[in-house]
Amino acid sequence: MDTVFIEGLEVDTVIGAYDWEREIRQCLRLDLQMGWDIALPARNDELAAALDYAAVCRRVEGFATAASFTLVETFAERLAEVLLQEFGMPWLRLRVTKPGAVAAASAVGVEIERGCR
């Protein structure tokens, strides 16, 4: 299985457990690794057979704009479900980082892997 990746995608969303967090939008940084067979698009130089990472980015941004979750874990799980279903990728690794969530750390977050590699 080949991998198409997107690193450092920043999106703003409502995320957090504290009352003040529910009233602002915060930045999340996402890294995605998506399973995709690139042999066919590479063999024929065929854009239509490739995973459209620009469309994936737009979908992630739209998801984040509409989302309002307490937990980063929930954000990651729901986003993974959407991407696997809508883009038909067999496997996804998603890392969601919430910069500034813990003052002594540069970032905290979760990394999940869904689907079959």
PDB file of N, CA and C in Angstrom:
ATOM      1  N   MET A   1       0.853  -1.184   0.000  1.00  0.00           N
ATOM      2  CA  MET A   1       0.000   0.000   0.000  1.00  0.00           C
ATOM      3  C   MET A   1       0.890   1.236   0.000  1.00  0.00           C
ATOM      4  N   ASP A   2       0.649   2.129  -0.921  1.00  0.00           N
ATOM      5  CA  ASP A   2       1.380   3.387  -0.985  1.00  0.00           C
ATOM      6  C   ASP A   2       0.740   4.396  -0.036  1.00  0.00           C
ATOM      7  N   THR A   3       1.431   5.490   0.182  1.00  0.00           N
ATOM      8  CA  THR A   3       0.943   6.507   1.109  1.00  0.00           C
ATOM      9  C   THR A   3       0.969   7.877   0.460  1.00  0.00           C
ATOM     10  N   VAL A   4      -0.138   8.565   0.542  1.00  0.00           N
ATOM     11  CA  VAL A   4      -0.227   9.978   0.169  1.00  0.00           C
ATOM     12  C   VAL A   4      -0.306  10.733   1.487  1.00  0.00           C
ATOM     13  N   PHE A   5       0.464  11.802   1.628  1.00  0.00           N
ATOM     14  CA  PHE A   5       0.467  12.484   2.921  1.00  0.00           C
ATOM     15  C   PHE A   5       0.223  13.984   2.797  1.00  0.00           C
ATOM     16  N   ILE A   6      -0.300  14.522   3.883  1.00  0.00           N
ATOM     17  CA  ILE A   6      -0.487  15.964   4.062  1.00  0.00           C
ATOM     18  C   ILE A   6       0.064  16.273   5.448  1.00  0.00           C
ATOM     19  N   GLU A   7       1.001  17.197   5.533  1.00  0.00           N
ATOM     20  CA  GLU A   7       1.613  17.533   6.817  1.00  0.00           C
ATOM     21  C   GLU A   7       1.359  18.989   7.176  1.00  0.00           C
ATOM     22  N   GLY A   8       1.072  19.207   8.444  1.00  0.00           N
ATOM     23  CA  GLY A   8       0.991  20.562   8.976  1.00  0.00           C
ATOM     24  C   GLY A   8      -0.213  21.359   8.514  1.00  0.00           C
ATOM     25  N   LEU A   9      -1.312  20.685   8.175  1.00  0.00           N
ATOM     26  CA  LEU A   9      -2.529  21.396   7.775  1.00  0.00           C
ATOM     27  C   LEU A   9      -3.141  22.035   9.014  1.00  0.00           C
ATOM     28  N   GLU A  10      -3.288  23.335   9.012  1.00  0.00           N
ATOM     29  CA  GLU A  10      -3.846  24.046  10.160  1.00  0.00           C
ATOM     30  C   GLU A  10      -5.283  24.447   9.883  1.00  0.00           C
ATOM     31  N   VAL A  11      -6.152  24.116  10.852  1.00  0.00           N
ATOM     32  CA  VAL A  11      -7.570  24.437  10.753  1.00  0.00           C
ATOM     33  C   VAL A  11      -8.021  25.055  12.070  1.00  0.00           C
ATOM     34  N   ASP A  12      -9.014  25.910  11.992  1.00  0.00           N
ATOM     35  CA  ASP A  12      -9.603  26.512  13.188  1.00  0.00           C
ATOM     36  C   ASP A  12     -10.938  25.848  13.468  1.00  0.00           C
ATOM     37  N   THR A  13     -11.185  25.553  14.742  1.00  0.00           N
ATOM     38  CA  THR A  13     -12.407  24.869  15.133  1.00  0.00           C
ATOM     39  C   THR A  13     -12.745  25.197  16.579  1.00  0.00           C
ATOM     40  N   VAL A  14     -13.955  24.861  16.972  1.00  0.00           N
ATOM     41  CA  VAL A  14     -14.339  24.948  18.377  1.00  0.00           C
ATOM     42  C   VAL A  14     -13.968  23.616  19.006  1.00  0.00           C
ATOM     43  N   ILE A  15     -13.036  23.665  19.974  1.00  0.00           N
ATOM     44  CA  ILE A  15     -12.546  22.439  20.607  1.00  0.00           C
ATOM     45  C   ILE A  15     -12.150  22.746  22.041  1.00  0.00           C
ATOM     46  N   GLY A  16     -12.579  21.919  22.968  1.00  0.00           N
ATOM     47  CA  GLY A  16     -12.148  22.085  24.343  1.00  0.00           C
ATOM     48  C   GLY A  16     -13.250  21.863  25.354  1.00  0.00           C
ATOM     49  N   ALA A  17     -12.825  21.631  26.591  1.00  0.00           N
ATOM     50  CA  ALA A  17     -13.741  21.289  27.673  1.00  0.00           C
ATOM     51  C   ALA A  17     -14.124  22.489  28.537  1.00  0.00           C
ATOM     52  N   TYR A  18     -13.320  23.523  28.529  1.00  0.00           N
ATOM     53  CA  TYR A  18     -13.582  24.679  29.394  1.00  0.00           C
ATOM     54  C   TYR A  18     -14.570  25.633  28.740  1.00  0.00           C
ATOM     55  N   ASP A  19     -15.337  26.325  29.556  1.00  0.00           N
ATOM     56  CA  ASP A  19     -16.347  27.250  29.043  1.00  0.00           C
ATOM     57  C   ASP A  19     -15.752  28.268  28.078  1.00  0.00           C
ATOM     58  N   TRP A  20     -14.588  28.816  28.419  1.00  0.00           N
ATOM     59  CA  TRP A  20     -13.989  29.837  27.552  1.00  0.00           C
ATOM     60  C   TRP A  20     -13.586  29.255  26.197  1.00  0.00           C
ATOM     61  N   GLU A  21     -13.264  27.954  26.173  1.00  0.00           N
ATOM     62  CA  GLU A  21     -12.889  27.316  24.905  1.00  0.00           C
ATOM     63  C   GLU A  21     -14.094  27.132  23.988  1.00  0.00           C
ATOM     64  N   ARG A  22     -15.263  27.059  24.560  1.00  0.00           N
ATOM     65  CA  ARG A  22     -16.475  26.842  23.775  1.00  0.00           C
ATOM     66  C   ARG A  22     -16.910  28.123  23.054  1.00  0.00           C
ATOM     67  N   GLU A  23     -16.278  29.240  23.402  1.00  0.00           N
ATOM     68  CA  GLU A  23     -16.667  30.528  22.818  1.00  0.00           C
ATOM     69  C   GLU A  23     -15.654  31.087  21.830  1.00  0.00           C
ATOM     70  N   ILE A  24     -14.588  30.324  21.577  1.00  0.00           N
ATOM     71  CA  ILE A  24     -13.560  30.780  20.632  1.00  0.00           C
ATOM     72  C   ILE A  24     -13.249  29.654  19.655  1.00  0.00           C
ATOM     73  N   ARG A  25     -12.537  30.011  18.605  1.00  0.00           N
ATOM     74  CA  ARG A  25     -12.031  29.008  17.669  1.00  0.00           C
ATOM     75  C   ARG A  25     -10.536  28.858  17.958  1.00  0.00           C
ATOM     76  N   GLN A  26     -10.081  27.618  17.943  1.00  0.00           N
ATOM     77  CA  GLN A  26      -8.671  27.342  18.206  1.00  0.00           C
ATOM     78  C   GLN A  26      -8.066  26.591  17.024  1.00  0.00           C
ATOM     79  N   CYS A  27      -6.774  26.751  16.882  1.00  0.00           N
ATOM     80  CA  CYS A  27      -6.050  26.105  15.794  1.00  0.00           C
ATOM     81  C   CYS A  27      -5.704  24.664  16.172  1.00  0.00           C
ATOM     82  N   LEU A  28      -5.945  23.763  15.252  1.00  0.00           N
ATOM     83  CA  LEU A  28      -5.447  22.399  15.337  1.00  0.00           C
ATOM     84  C   LEU A  28      -4.520  22.187  14.154  1.00  0.00           C
ATOM     85  N   ARG A  29      -3.462  21.422  14.365  1.00  0.00           N
ATOM     86  CA  ARG A  29      -2.530  21.088  13.289  1.00  0.00           C
ATOM     87  C   ARG A  29      -2.694  19.599  12.978  1.00  0.00           C
ATOM     88  N   LEU A  30      -2.890  19.293  11.720  1.00  0.00           N
ATOM     89  CA  LEU A  30      -3.164  17.912  11.319  1.00  0.00           C
ATOM     90  C   LEU A  30      -2.087  17.391  10.377  1.00  0.00           C
ATOM     91  N   ASP A  31      -1.718  16.141  10.608  1.00  0.00           N
ATOM     92  CA  ASP A  31      -0.854  15.386   9.701  1.00  0.00           C
ATOM     93  C   ASP A  31      -1.633  14.149   9.294  1.00  0.00           C
ATOM     94  N   LEU A  32      -1.743  13.925   8.000  1.00  0.00           N
ATOM     95  CA  LEU A  32      -2.493  12.790   7.481  1.00  0.00           C
ATOM     96  C   LEU A  32      -1.586  11.924   6.629  1.00  0.00           C
ATOM     97  N   GLN A  33      -1.696  10.627   6.815  1.00  0.00           N
ATOM     98  CA  GLN A  33      -1.091   9.638   5.932  1.00  0.00           C
ATOM     99  C   GLN A  33      -2.241   8.778   5.449  1.00  0.00           C
ATOM    100  N   MET A  34      -2.418   8.709   4.139  1.00  0.00           N
ATOM    101  CA  MET A  34      -3.584   8.044   3.560  1.00  0.00           C
ATOM    102  C   MET A  34      -3.131   6.949   2.614  1.00  0.00           C
ATOM    103  N   GLY A  35      -3.650   5.751   2.842  1.00  0.00           N
ATOM    104  CA  GLY A  35      -3.323   4.640   1.967  1.00  0.00           C
ATOM    105  C   GLY A  35      -3.966   4.826   0.603  1.00  0.00           C
ATOM    106  N   TRP A  36      -3.160   4.615  -0.444  1.00  0.00           N
ATOM    107  CA  TRP A  36      -3.672   4.757  -1.808  1.00  0.00           C
ATOM    108  C   TRP A  36      -2.731   4.031  -2.748  1.00  0.00           C
ATOM    109  N   ASP A  37      -3.259   3.321  -3.694  1.00  0.00           N
ATOM    110  CA  ASP A  37      -2.442   2.656  -4.708  1.00  0.00           C
ATOM    111  C   ASP A  37      -2.131   3.676  -5.802  1.00  0.00           C
ATOM    112  N   ILE A  38      -0.889   4.098  -5.866  1.00  0.00           N
ATOM    113  CA  ILE A  38      -0.539   5.124  -6.857  1.00  0.00           C
ATOM    114  C   ILE A  38      -0.063   4.528  -8.183  1.00  0.00           C
ATOM    115  N   ALA A  39      -0.061   3.206  -8.299  1.00  0.00           N
ATOM    116  CA  ALA A  39       0.449   2.569  -9.519  1.00  0.00           C
ATOM    117  C   ALA A  39      -0.328   2.995 -10.763  1.00  0.00           C
ATOM    118  N   LEU A  40      -1.663   2.956 -10.710  1.00  0.00           N
ATOM    119  CA  LEU A  40      -2.463   3.312 -11.884  1.00  0.00           C
ATOM    120  C   LEU A  40      -2.294   4.781 -12.273  1.00  0.00           C
ATOM    121  N   PRO A  41      -2.482   5.716 -11.350  1.00  0.00           N
ATOM    122  CA  PRO A  41      -2.290   7.108 -11.775  1.00  0.00           C
ATOM    123  C   PRO A  41      -0.860   7.377 -12.244  1.00  0.00           C
ATOM    124  N   ALA A  42       0.112   6.719 -11.635  1.00  0.00           N
ATOM    125  CA  ALA A  42       1.504   6.924 -12.051  1.00  0.00           C
ATOM    126  C   ALA A  42       1.773   6.324 -13.428  1.00  0.00           C
ATOM    127  N   ARG A  43       1.205   5.154 -13.686  1.00  0.00           N
ATOM    128  CA  ARG A  43       1.449   4.465 -14.967  1.00  0.00           C
ATOM    129  C   ARG A  43       0.925   5.297 -16.140  1.00  0.00           C
ATOM    130  N   ASN A  44      -0.271   5.873 -15.974  1.00  0.00           N
ATOM    131  CA  ASN A  44      -0.899   6.614 -17.069  1.00  0.00           C
ATOM    132  C   ASN A  44      -0.850   8.130 -16.897  1.00  0.00           C
ATOM    133  N   ASP A  45      -0.171   8.569 -15.838  1.00  0.00           N
ATOM    134  CA  ASP A  45      -0.128   9.998 -15.522  1.00  0.00           C
ATOM    135  C   ASP A  45      -1.544  10.573 -15.500  1.00  0.00           C
ATOM    136  N   GLU A  46      -2.443   9.821 -14.822  1.00  0.00           N
ATOM    137  CA  GLU A  46      -3.873  10.095 -14.845  1.00  0.00           C
ATOM    138  C   GLU A  46      -4.337  10.733 -13.531  1.00  0.00           C
ATOM    139  N   LEU A  47      -4.621  12.004 -13.589  1.00  0.00           N
ATOM    140  CA  LEU A  47      -5.050  12.750 -12.412  1.00  0.00           C
ATOM    141  C   LEU A  47      -6.323  12.186 -11.800  1.00  0.00           C
ATOM    142  N   ALA A  48      -7.260  11.753 -12.611  1.00  0.00           N
ATOM    143  CA  ALA A  48      -8.544  11.256 -12.118  1.00  0.00           C
ATOM    144  C   ALA A  48      -8.402  10.012 -11.242  1.00  0.00           C
ATOM    145  N   ALA A  49      -7.327   9.255 -11.408  1.00  0.00           N
ATOM    146  CA  ALA A  49      -7.114   8.042 -10.620  1.00  0.00           C
ATOM    147  C   ALA A  49      -6.322   8.298  -9.337  1.00  0.00           C
ATOM    148  N   ALA A  50      -5.792   9.497  -9.204  1.00  0.00           N
ATOM    149  CA  ALA A  50      -4.995   9.843  -8.029  1.00  0.00           C
ATOM    150  C   ALA A  50      -5.902  10.309  -6.883  1.00  0.00           C
ATOM    151  N   LEU A  51      -5.401  10.193  -5.668  1.00  0.00           N
ATOM    152  CA  LEU A  51      -6.110  10.744  -4.520  1.00  0.00           C
ATOM    153  C   LEU A  51      -5.935  12.257  -4.562  1.00  0.00           C
ATOM    154  N   ASP A  52      -7.027  12.974  -4.604  1.00  0.00           N
ATOM    155  CA  ASP A  52      -7.008  14.436  -4.730  1.00  0.00           C
ATOM    156  C   ASP A  52      -6.757  15.062  -3.362  1.00  0.00           C
ATOM    157  N   TYR A  53      -5.491  15.296  -3.048  1.00  0.00           N
ATOM    158  CA  TYR A  53      -5.167  15.817  -1.719  1.00  0.00           C
ATOM    159  C   TYR A  53      -5.648  17.242  -1.518  1.00  0.00           C
ATOM    160  N   ALA A  54      -5.834  17.998  -2.586  1.00  0.00           N
ATOM    161  CA  ALA A  54      -6.427  19.335  -2.443  1.00  0.00           C
ATOM    162  C   ALA A  54      -7.883  19.218  -1.996  1.00  0.00           C
ATOM    163  N   ALA A  55      -8.607  18.242  -2.553  1.00  0.00           N
ATOM    164  CA  ALA A  55      -9.994  18.010  -2.141  1.00  0.00           C
ATOM    165  C   ALA A  55     -10.052  17.501  -0.701  1.00  0.00           C
ATOM    166  N   VAL A  56      -9.096  16.671  -0.319  1.00  0.00           N
ATOM    167  CA  VAL A  56      -9.036  16.203   1.070  1.00  0.00           C
ATOM    168  C   VAL A  56      -8.848  17.403   1.997  1.00  0.00           C
ATOM    169  N   CYS A  57      -7.940  18.302   1.654  1.00  0.00           N
ATOM    170  CA  CYS A  57      -7.713  19.496   2.481  1.00  0.00           C
ATOM    171  C   CYS A  57      -8.980  20.338   2.595  1.00  0.00           C
ATOM    172  N   ARG A  58      -9.669  20.536   1.487  1.00  0.00           N
ATOM    173  CA  ARG A  58     -10.915  21.318   1.527  1.00  0.00           C
ATOM    174  C   ARG A  58     -11.947  20.643   2.423  1.00  0.00           C
ATOM    175  N   ARG A  59     -12.030  19.321   2.349  1.00  0.00           N
ATOM    176  CA  ARG A  59     -13.011  18.600   3.172  1.00  0.00           C
ATOM    177  C   ARG A  59     -12.662  18.693   4.649  1.00  0.00           C
ATOM    178  N   VAL A  60     -11.372  18.579   4.966  1.00  0.00           N
ATOM    179  CA  VAL A  60     -10.921  18.712   6.356  1.00  0.00           C
ATOM    180  C   VAL A  60     -11.243  20.111   6.873  1.00  0.00           C
ATOM    181  N   GLU A  61     -10.976  21.126   6.071  1.00  0.00           N
ATOM    182  CA  GLU A  61     -11.262  22.503   6.479  1.00  0.00           C
ATOM    183  C   GLU A  61     -12.754  22.715   6.695  1.00  0.00           C
ATOM    184  N   GLY A  62     -13.592  22.172   5.817  1.00  0.00           N
ATOM    185  CA  GLY A  62     -15.032  22.274   5.977  1.00  0.00           C
ATOM    186  C   GLY A  62     -15.520  21.551   7.223  1.00  0.00           C
ATOM    187  N   PHE A  63     -14.963  20.372   7.470  1.00  0.00           N
ATOM    188  CA  PHE A  63     -15.310  19.614   8.672  1.00  0.00           C
ATOM    189  C   PHE A  63     -14.969  20.419   9.921  1.00  0.00           C
ATOM    190  N   ALA A  64     -13.761  20.969   9.963  1.00  0.00           N
ATOM    191  CA  ALA A  64     -13.311  21.734  11.134  1.00  0.00           C
ATOM    192  C   ALA A  64     -14.172  22.974  11.359  1.00  0.00           C
ATOM    193  N   THR A  65     -14.547  23.641  10.291  1.00  0.00           N
ATOM    194  CA  THR A  65     -15.370  24.841  10.405  1.00  0.00           C
ATOM    195  C   THR A  65     -16.716  24.521  11.041  1.00  0.00           C
ATOM    196  N   ALA A  66     -17.290  23.389  10.692  1.00  0.00           N
ATOM    197  CA  ALA A  66     -18.611  23.014  11.198  1.00  0.00           C
ATOM    198  C   ALA A  66     -18.558  22.303  12.549  1.00  0.00           C
ATOM    199  N   ALA A  67     -17.385  21.821  12.945  1.00  0.00           N
ATOM    200  CA  ALA A  67     -17.261  20.985  14.139  1.00  0.00           C
ATOM    201  C   ALA A  67     -17.307  21.797  15.426  1.00  0.00           C
ATOM    202  N   SER A  68     -17.738  21.127  16.465  1.00  0.00           N
ATOM    203  CA  SER A  68     -17.727  21.681  17.830  1.00  0.00           C
ATOM    204  C   SER A  68     -17.668  20.506  18.790  1.00  0.00           C
ATOM    205  N   PHE A  69     -16.450  20.126  19.194  1.00  0.00           N
ATOM    206  CA  PHE A  69     -16.257  18.975  20.056  1.00  0.00           C
ATOM    207  C   PHE A  69     -15.545  19.378  21.336  1.00  0.00           C
ATOM    208  N   THR A  70     -15.752  18.593  22.370  1.00  0.00           N
ATOM    209  CA  THR A  70     -15.039  18.781  23.625  1.00  0.00           C
ATOM    210  C   THR A  70     -13.637  18.191  23.521  1.00  0.00           C
ATOM    211  N   LEU A  71     -13.538  17.007  22.933  1.00  0.00           N
ATOM    212  CA  LEU A  71     -12.279  16.268  22.915  1.00  0.00           C
ATOM    213  C   LEU A  71     -11.615  16.238  21.547  1.00  0.00           C
ATOM    214  N   VAL A  72     -10.305  16.342  21.546  1.00  0.00           N
ATOM    215  CA  VAL A  72      -9.524  16.151  20.327  1.00  0.00           C
ATOM    216  C   VAL A  72      -9.732  14.725  19.814  1.00  0.00           C
ATOM    217  N   GLU A  73      -9.906  13.788  20.718  1.00  0.00           N
ATOM    218  CA  GLU A  73     -10.147  12.402  20.341  1.00  0.00           C
ATOM    219  C   GLU A  73     -11.405  12.270  19.483  1.00  0.00           C
ATOM    220  N   THR A  74     -12.456  12.970  19.864  1.00  0.00           N
ATOM    221  CA  THR A  74     -13.705  12.921  19.105  1.00  0.00           C
ATOM    222  C   THR A  74     -13.523  13.555  17.738  1.00  0.00           C
ATOM    223  N   PHE A  75     -12.854  14.698  17.690  1.00  0.00           N
ATOM    224  CA  PHE A  75     -12.558  15.359  16.416  1.00  0.00           C
ATOM    225  C   PHE A  75     -11.840  14.384  15.480  1.00  0.00           C
ATOM    226  N   ALA A  76     -10.802  13.733  15.987  1.00  0.00           N
ATOM    227  CA  ALA A  76     -10.010  12.815  15.161  1.00  0.00           C
ATOM    228  C   ALA A  76     -10.852  11.636  14.671  1.00  0.00           C
ATOM    229  N   GLU A  77     -11.605  11.032  15.566  1.00  0.00           N
ATOM    230  CA  GLU A  77     -12.404   9.853  15.200  1.00  0.00           C
ATOM    231  C   GLU A  77     -13.446  10.198  14.139  1.00  0.00           C
ATOM    232  N   ARG A  78     -14.174  11.279  14.335  1.00  0.00           N
ATOM    233  CA  ARG A  78     -15.225  11.662  13.378  1.00  0.00           C
ATOM    234  C   ARG A  78     -14.633  12.065  12.034  1.00  0.00           C
ATOM    235  N   LEU A  79     -13.518  12.794  12.056  1.00  0.00           N
ATOM    236  CA  LEU A  79     -12.879  13.190  10.803  1.00  0.00           C
ATOM    237  C   LEU A  79     -12.383  11.962  10.045  1.00  0.00           C
ATOM    238  N   ALA A  80     -11.784  11.019  10.739  1.00  0.00           N
ATOM    239  CA  ALA A  80     -11.314   9.797  10.082  1.00  0.00           C
ATOM    240  C   ALA A  80     -12.469   9.061   9.416  1.00  0.00           C
ATOM    241  N   GLU A  81     -13.600   8.960  10.090  1.00  0.00           N
ATOM    242  CA  GLU A  81     -14.777   8.306   9.518  1.00  0.00           C
ATOM    243  C   GLU A  81     -15.205   8.987   8.217  1.00  0.00           C
ATOM    244  N   VAL A  82     -15.253  10.303   8.231  1.00  0.00           N
ATOM    245  CA  VAL A  82     -15.668  11.075   7.060  1.00  0.00           C
ATOM    246  C   VAL A  82     -14.710  10.844   5.889  1.00  0.00           C
ATOM    247  N   LEU A  83     -13.413  10.951   6.147  1.00  0.00           N
ATOM    248  CA  LEU A  83     -12.432  10.829   5.071  1.00  0.00           C
ATOM    249  C   LEU A  83     -12.411   9.427   4.472  1.00  0.00           C
ATOM    250  N   LEU A  84     -12.454   8.410   5.319  1.00  0.00           N
ATOM    251  CA  LEU A  84     -12.458   7.038   4.807  1.00  0.00           C
ATOM    252  C   LEU A  84     -13.683   6.787   3.935  1.00  0.00           C
ATOM    253  N   GLN A  85     -14.820   7.257   4.388  1.00  0.00           N
ATOM    254  CA  GLN A  85     -16.063   7.027   3.643  1.00  0.00           C
ATOM    255  C   GLN A  85     -16.107   7.833   2.351  1.00  0.00           C
ATOM    256  N   GLU A  86     -15.824   9.111   2.423  1.00  0.00           N
ATOM    257  CA  GLU A  86     -16.009   9.985   1.259  1.00  0.00           C
ATOM    258  C   GLU A  86     -14.953   9.822   0.181  1.00  0.00           C
ATOM    259  N   PHE A  87     -13.730   9.450   0.565  1.00  0.00           N
ATOM    260  CA  PHE A  87     -12.664   9.357  -0.433  1.00  0.00           C
ATOM    261  C   PHE A  87     -12.310   7.922  -0.797  1.00  0.00           C
ATOM    262  N   GLY A  88     -12.865   6.968  -0.067  1.00  0.00           N
ATOM    263  CA  GLY A  88     -12.650   5.571  -0.412  1.00  0.00           C
ATOM    264  C   GLY A  88     -11.234   5.078  -0.178  1.00  0.00           C
ATOM    265  N   MET A  89     -10.493   5.752   0.662  1.00  0.00           N
ATOM    266  CA  MET A  89      -9.151   5.281   0.979  1.00  0.00           C
ATOM    267  C   MET A  89      -9.260   4.084   1.937  1.00  0.00           C
ATOM    268  N   PRO A  90      -8.426   3.074   1.757  1.00  0.00           N
ATOM    269  CA  PRO A  90      -8.544   1.892   2.606  1.00  0.00           C
ATOM    270  C   PRO A  90      -7.940   2.056   3.995  1.00  0.00           C
ATOM    271  N   TRP A  91      -7.068   3.048   4.169  1.00  0.00           N
ATOM    272  CA  TRP A  91      -6.323   3.187   5.415  1.00  0.00           C
ATOM    273  C   TRP A  91      -5.975   4.655   5.641  1.00  0.00           C
ATOM    274  N   LEU A  92      -5.962   5.044   6.909  1.00  0.00           N
ATOM    275  CA  LEU A  92      -5.661   6.435   7.261  1.00  0.00           C
ATOM    276  C   LEU A  92      -4.963   6.477   8.608  1.00  0.00           C
ATOM    277  N   ARG A  93      -3.908   7.251   8.686  1.00  0.00           N
ATOM    278  CA  ARG A  93      -3.300   7.606   9.972  1.00  0.00           C
ATOM    279  C   ARG A  93      -3.467   9.121  10.103  1.00  0.00           C
ATOM    280  N   LEU A  94      -4.043   9.541  11.213  1.00  0.00           N
ATOM    281  CA  LEU A  94      -4.349  10.945  11.434  1.00  0.00           C
ATOM    282  C   LEU A  94      -3.761  11.384  12.763  1.00  0.00           C
ATOM    283  N   ARG A  95      -2.967  12.431  12.717  1.00  0.00           N
ATOM    284  CA  ARG A  95      -2.391  13.024  13.931  1.00  0.00           C
ATOM    285  C   ARG A  95      -3.003  14.402  14.088  1.00  0.00           C
ATOM    286  N   VAL A  96      -3.629  14.642  15.239  1.00  0.00           N
ATOM    287  CA  VAL A  96      -4.245  15.932  15.535  1.00  0.00           C
ATOM    288  C   VAL A  96      -3.506  16.537  16.722  1.00  0.00           C
ATOM    289  N   THR A  97      -2.904  17.691  16.507  1.00  0.00           N
ATOM    290  CA  THR A  97      -2.129  18.377  17.528  1.00  0.00           C
ATOM    291  C   THR A  97      -2.856  19.651  17.933  1.00  0.00           C
ATOM    292  N   LYS A  98      -2.920  19.891  19.247  1.00  0.00           N
ATOM    293  CA  LYS A  98      -3.539  21.103  19.772  1.00  0.00           C
ATOM    294  C   LYS A  98      -2.432  21.939  20.427  1.00  0.00           C
ATOM    295  N   PRO A  99      -1.824  22.839  19.636  1.00  0.00           N
ATOM    296  CA  PRO A  99      -0.730  23.661  20.177  1.00  0.00           C
ATOM    297  C   PRO A  99      -1.219  24.525  21.339  1.00  0.00           C
ATOM    298  N   GLY A 100      -0.381  24.654  22.347  1.00  0.00           N
ATOM    299  CA  GLY A 100      -0.702  25.538  23.463  1.00  0.00           C
ATOM    300  C   GLY A 100      -1.658  24.965  24.489  1.00  0.00           C
ATOM    301  N   ALA A 101      -2.081  23.722  24.330  1.00  0.00           N
ATOM    302  CA  ALA A 101      -3.040  23.141  25.272  1.00  0.00           C
ATOM    303  C   ALA A 101      -2.423  22.927  26.655  1.00  0.00           C
ATOM    304  N   VAL A 102      -1.131  22.630  26.702  1.00  0.00           N
ATOM    305  CA  VAL A 102      -0.399  22.470  27.949  1.00  0.00           C
ATOM    306  C   VAL A 102       0.796  23.410  27.883  1.00  0.00           C
ATOM    307  N   ALA A 103       0.857  24.337  28.825  1.00  0.00           N
ATOM    308  CA  ALA A 103       1.869  25.399  28.778  1.00  0.00           C
ATOM    309  C   ALA A 103       3.297  24.857  28.708  1.00  0.00           C
ATOM    310  N   ALA A 104       3.593  23.778  29.374  1.00  0.00           N
ATOM    311  CA  ALA A 104       4.956  23.257  29.418  1.00  0.00           C
ATOM    312  C   ALA A 104       5.315  22.401  28.205  1.00  0.00           C
ATOM    313  N   ALA A 105       4.356  22.146  27.329  1.00  0.00           N
ATOM    314  CA  ALA A 105       4.607  21.320  26.144  1.00  0.00           C
ATOM    315  C   ALA A 105       4.398  22.148  24.882  1.00  0.00           C
ATOM    316  N   SER A 106       5.151  21.845  23.852  1.00  0.00           N
ATOM    317  CA  SER A 106       4.960  22.578  22.600  1.00  0.00           C
ATOM    318  C   SER A 106       3.630  22.213  21.959  1.00  0.00           C
ATOM    319  N   ALA A 107       3.163  20.995  22.204  1.00  0.00           N
ATOM    320  CA  ALA A 107       1.869  20.576  21.672  1.00  0.00           C
ATOM    321  C   ALA A 107       1.470  19.248  22.313  1.00  0.00           C
ATOM    322  N   VAL A 108       0.195  18.994  22.306  1.00  0.00           N
ATOM    323  CA  VAL A 108      -0.350  17.694  22.725  1.00  0.00           C
ATOM    324  C   VAL A 108      -1.389  17.293  21.690  1.00  0.00           C
ATOM    325  N   GLY A 109      -1.766  16.027  21.700  1.00  0.00           N
ATOM    326  CA  GLY A 109      -2.785  15.601  20.755  1.00  0.00           C
ATOM    327  C   GLY A 109      -2.926  14.104  20.717  1.00  0.00           C
ATOM    328  N   VAL A 110      -3.498  13.633  19.617  1.00  0.00           N
ATOM    329  CA  VAL A 110      -3.720  12.194  19.445  1.00  0.00           C
ATOM    330  C   VAL A 110      -3.306  11.789  18.035  1.00  0.00           C
ATOM    331  N   GLU A 111      -3.002  10.518  17.904  1.00  0.00           N
ATOM    332  CA  GLU A 111      -2.737   9.938  16.607  1.00  0.00           C
ATOM    333  C   GLU A 111      -3.540   8.638  16.521  1.00  0.00           C
ATOM    334  N   ILE A 112      -4.344   8.513  15.473  1.00  0.00           N
ATOM    335  CA  ILE A 112      -5.149   7.314  15.302  1.00  0.00           C
ATOM    336  C   ILE A 112      -4.864   6.710  13.937  1.00  0.00           C
ATOM    337  N   GLU A 113      -5.138   5.430  13.838  1.00  0.00           N
ATOM    338  CA  GLU A 113      -5.000   4.720  12.579  1.00  0.00           C
ATOM    339  C   GLU A 113      -6.264   3.910  12.374  1.00  0.00           C
ATOM    340  N   ARG A 114      -6.876   4.076  11.207  1.00  0.00           N
ATOM    341  CA  ARG A 114      -8.138   3.400  10.906  1.00  0.00           C
ATOM    342  C   ARG A 114      -8.067   2.763   9.526  1.00  0.00           C
ATOM    343  N   GLY A 115      -8.812   1.705   9.333  1.00  0.00           N
ATOM    344  CA  GLY A 115      -8.841   1.003   8.060  1.00  0.00           C
ATOM    345  C   GLY A 115      -7.817  -0.108   8.029  1.00  0.00           C
ATOM    346  N   CYS A 116      -7.656  -0.712   6.871  1.00  0.00           N
ATOM    347  CA  CYS A 116      -6.723  -1.825   6.680  1.00  0.00           C
ATOM    348  C   CYS A 116      -5.587  -1.407   5.767  1.00  0.00           C
ATOM    349  N   ARG A 117      -4.399  -1.571   6.238  1.00  0.00           N
ATOM    350  CA  ARG A 117      -3.211  -1.182   5.483  1.00  0.00           C
ATOM    351  C   ARG A 117      -2.804  -2.235   4.496  1.00  0.00           C
TER     352      ARG A 117
END
